[in-house]
Protein backbone atom coordinates (compact mmCIF):
# COMPACT_ATOMS: atom_id res chain seq x y z
CA MET A 1 -11.88 31.25 17.42
CA THR A 2 -9.57 28.73 17.00
CA THR A 3 -8.25 26.03 18.86
CA ILE A 4 -5.82 23.67 19.04
CA ARG A 5 -5.60 20.83 21.28
CA PRO A 6 -4.35 16.84 22.42
CA GLY A 7 -7.00 14.46 21.66
CA VAL A 8 -8.05 11.80 24.12
CA PRO A 9 -9.88 9.29 23.49
CA ALA A 10 -13.44 10.84 24.57
CA ASP A 11 -13.07 12.42 20.83
CA ALA A 12 -13.33 9.42 18.58
CA GLY A 13 -16.72 9.60 17.19
CA ARG A 14 -16.23 12.61 16.27
CA LEU A 15 -12.30 12.59 14.88
CA ALA A 16 -13.66 8.98 13.58
CA GLY A 17 -16.63 11.09 11.19
CA LEU A 18 -14.63 13.90 10.22
CA ALA A 19 -11.18 11.41 9.26
CA ALA A 20 -13.45 9.21 7.14
CA ARG A 21 -15.49 12.13 5.68
CA THR A 22 -12.27 13.83 5.27
CA PHE A 23 -10.29 11.40 3.56
CA GLU A 24 -13.39 10.23 0.98
CA GLU A 25 -13.15 13.61 -0.33
CA THR A 26 -9.33 13.91 -1.11
CA PHE A 27 -9.45 10.56 -2.88
CA GLY A 28 -12.76 9.19 -3.57
CA SER A 29 -12.95 10.65 -6.76
CA ALA A 30 -9.58 9.39 -7.95
CA ASN A 31 -9.57 5.28 -6.54
CA ASP A 32 -11.87 2.09 -6.35
CA PRO A 33 -15.09 2.37 -4.72
CA GLY A 34 -14.71 -0.60 -3.08
CA ASP A 35 -11.12 -0.31 -2.53
CA MET A 36 -12.08 3.13 -0.98
CA ALA A 37 -14.82 1.99 1.07
CA LEU A 38 -12.43 -1.62 2.56
CA TYR A 39 -9.82 0.90 3.56
CA LEU A 40 -11.83 4.03 5.07
CA SER A 41 -13.53 0.59 7.68
CA SER A 42 -10.15 -0.69 8.20
CA ALA A 43 -8.37 2.57 8.67
CA TYR A 44 -11.23 5.62 10.60
CA GLY A 45 -14.19 2.94 12.41
CA MET A 46 -14.44 4.34 15.80
CA ALA A 47 -12.68 1.42 17.75
CA GLN A 48 -9.71 2.46 15.50
CA GLN A 49 -9.69 6.04 16.46
CA SER A 50 -10.73 5.19 20.17
CA GLU A 51 -6.82 2.54 19.44
CA GLU A 52 -5.03 6.04 18.47
CA LEU A 53 -6.63 8.34 20.99
CA ALA A 54 -5.27 6.06 23.78
CA ASP A 55 -1.40 4.81 22.03
CA PRO A 56 1.49 6.93 23.86
CA ALA A 57 3.10 6.98 20.92
CA ILE A 58 0.64 8.64 18.76
CA ALA A 59 -0.20 12.48 19.65
CA THR A 60 -3.44 13.86 18.06
CA LEU A 61 -4.36 17.79 17.72
CA LEU A 62 -7.26 18.58 16.82
CA VAL A 63 -8.32 21.68 15.77
CA GLU A 64 -11.87 23.57 16.79
CA VAL A 65 -13.27 26.79 15.36
CA ASP A 66 -16.19 28.08 16.95
CA GLY A 67 -16.45 24.66 19.23
CA GLN A 68 -16.46 22.61 15.25
CA LEU A 69 -13.37 19.90 14.43
CA ALA A 70 -12.49 22.23 11.34
CA GLY A 71 -8.90 19.91 10.67
CA TYR A 72 -6.61 17.53 12.70
CA ALA A 73 -3.08 15.50 12.72
CA GLN A 74 -1.86 12.70 14.05
CA ILE A 75 2.06 12.33 14.49
CA LYS A 76 3.89 9.68 15.41
CA GLU A 77 6.88 8.29 16.99
CA GLY A 78 9.01 4.78 15.50
CA ASP A 79 10.97 3.63 12.57
CA ALA A 80 11.11 6.00 9.36
CA PRO A 81 11.79 4.66 5.82
CA ARG A 82 14.67 3.94 4.80
CA CYS A 83 14.94 7.51 2.78
CA VAL A 84 14.94 9.95 6.08
CA ALA A 85 18.08 10.46 6.73
CA GLY A 86 17.33 13.32 9.41
CA GLU A 87 17.81 12.38 13.64
CA ARG A 88 15.17 11.66 15.84
CA PRO A 89 12.38 11.01 13.45
CA VAL A 90 8.62 11.77 13.74
CA GLU A 91 5.90 10.73 11.25
CA ILE A 92 3.63 13.09 10.39
CA ARG A 93 0.34 9.86 10.01
CA ARG A 94 -2.51 12.58 8.70
CA PHE A 95 -2.82 15.72 8.68
CA TYR A 96 -5.67 16.87 7.27
CA VAL A 97 -8.69 20.26 7.42
CA ASP A 98 -11.74 20.12 6.28
CA ARG A 99 -13.42 21.84 3.83
CA PRO A 100 -15.05 24.79 4.52
CA TRP A 101 -11.42 26.20 6.72
CA GLN A 102 -9.37 25.31 3.79
CA GLY A 103 -7.46 28.31 2.66
CA ARG A 104 -8.16 30.58 6.11
CA GLY A 105 -4.38 29.83 7.42
CA VAL A 106 -5.68 26.45 9.87
CA ALA A 107 -3.49 24.17 8.10
CA GLN A 108 0.12 26.16 8.35
CA ALA A 109 -1.59 27.32 12.73
CA LEU A 110 -1.37 22.94 12.98
CA MET A 111 1.75 22.66 11.27
CA ARG A 112 2.86 24.51 13.61
CA ALA A 113 1.37 22.52 16.44
CA VAL A 114 3.09 20.17 14.62
CA GLY A 115 6.42 20.85 15.03
CA GLU A 116 5.92 21.95 18.22
CA ALA A 117 3.84 18.44 19.62
CA ALA A 118 7.20 16.52 17.53
CA ALA A 119 9.57 18.72 19.11
CA ALA A 120 8.16 17.78 22.54
CA ARG A 121 8.44 14.22 22.21
CA GLY A 122 12.37 15.35 21.04
CA GLY A 123 12.40 14.90 17.52
CA ARG A 124 13.97 16.60 15.53
CA THR A 125 13.56 15.22 11.87
CA LEU A 126 9.21 15.48 11.76
CA TRP A 127 8.89 13.74 7.96
CA LEU A 128 5.75 12.16 5.83
CA GLY A 129 4.62 10.46 2.69
CA VAL A 130 1.71 11.68 0.46
CA TRP A 131 0.24 9.82 -2.61
CA GLU A 132 1.75 11.11 -5.66
CA ARG A 133 -1.37 12.00 -7.19
CA ASN A 134 -1.85 14.55 -4.67
CA GLU A 135 0.18 17.39 -5.82
CA ARG A 136 -1.67 20.15 -3.98
CA ALA A 137 -0.32 18.73 -0.48
CA GLN A 138 3.48 17.94 -1.65
CA ALA A 139 2.95 22.19 -2.59
CA PHE A 140 1.75 23.17 1.05
CA TYR A 141 4.50 20.47 2.57
CA ARG A 142 6.94 22.38 -0.15
CA LYS A 143 6.16 26.11 1.67
CA CYS A 144 5.96 24.45 5.38
CA GLY A 145 9.26 23.59 4.26
CA PHE A 146 9.39 19.80 3.40
CA VAL A 147 11.59 17.86 0.42
CA ASP A 148 11.12 15.07 -1.36
CA VAL A 149 13.71 12.55 -0.50
CA GLY A 150 11.83 8.96 -2.11
CA SER A 151 8.98 6.72 -2.34
CA GLN A 152 7.20 4.17 -0.23
CA PRO A 153 3.68 1.69 -1.29
CA PHE A 154 1.23 2.57 0.01
CA VAL A 155 -2.22 0.45 0.48
CA LEU A 156 -5.63 1.87 -0.39
CA GLY A 157 -8.14 -1.80 -0.53
CA ARG A 158 -6.42 -3.78 -2.70
CA ASP A 159 -5.35 -0.95 -4.77
CA GLN A 160 -0.89 -0.77 -4.34
CA GLN A 161 0.16 2.73 -5.24
CA THR A 162 2.96 5.15 -4.60
CA ASP A 163 3.53 8.10 -1.60
CA ARG A 164 6.12 10.71 -2.17
CA ILE A 165 7.93 10.83 1.01
CA MET A 166 8.98 14.44 2.65
CA THR A 167 11.08 14.99 5.42
CA CYS A 168 11.01 18.43 7.09
CA ALA A 169 13.98 19.71 9.77
CA LEU A 170 12.26 20.78 13.27
CA PRO A 171 14.12 24.22 14.38
């Protein structure tokens, strides 16, 4: 059975492990190992996940399949890049599904839950940054109704990269 629920501070350990592993699996082979290690240590440690789970401006949604953590997403209220023109933007900061559950409808269910959570916070527009070289993710987001509206820098360790900015109006 698939369940999507809000993350709580007690989930920090499980989330830190999944988050670091899915990020490295997704981007590790295309990046310098030193830059990857530097980024992972600053973005996905237990302390960082505990802080994010306790932050009222961030909502973390966890997907569990038969009790196993299968994916997660984080949304955050706040400033958006100038290219995001929609009203009351909410950022999808992170959106990852673990490999064993990819292609099984988990990502679509998680995206629906993200939209509902953003709307419940008063959001009218979802936006996200996706690495310009991550074609698979861009195709998924386009399938979900997102359109490319610009770009912004993303720093992985010491390597400055480019993220495409994509937006989608919430119903």
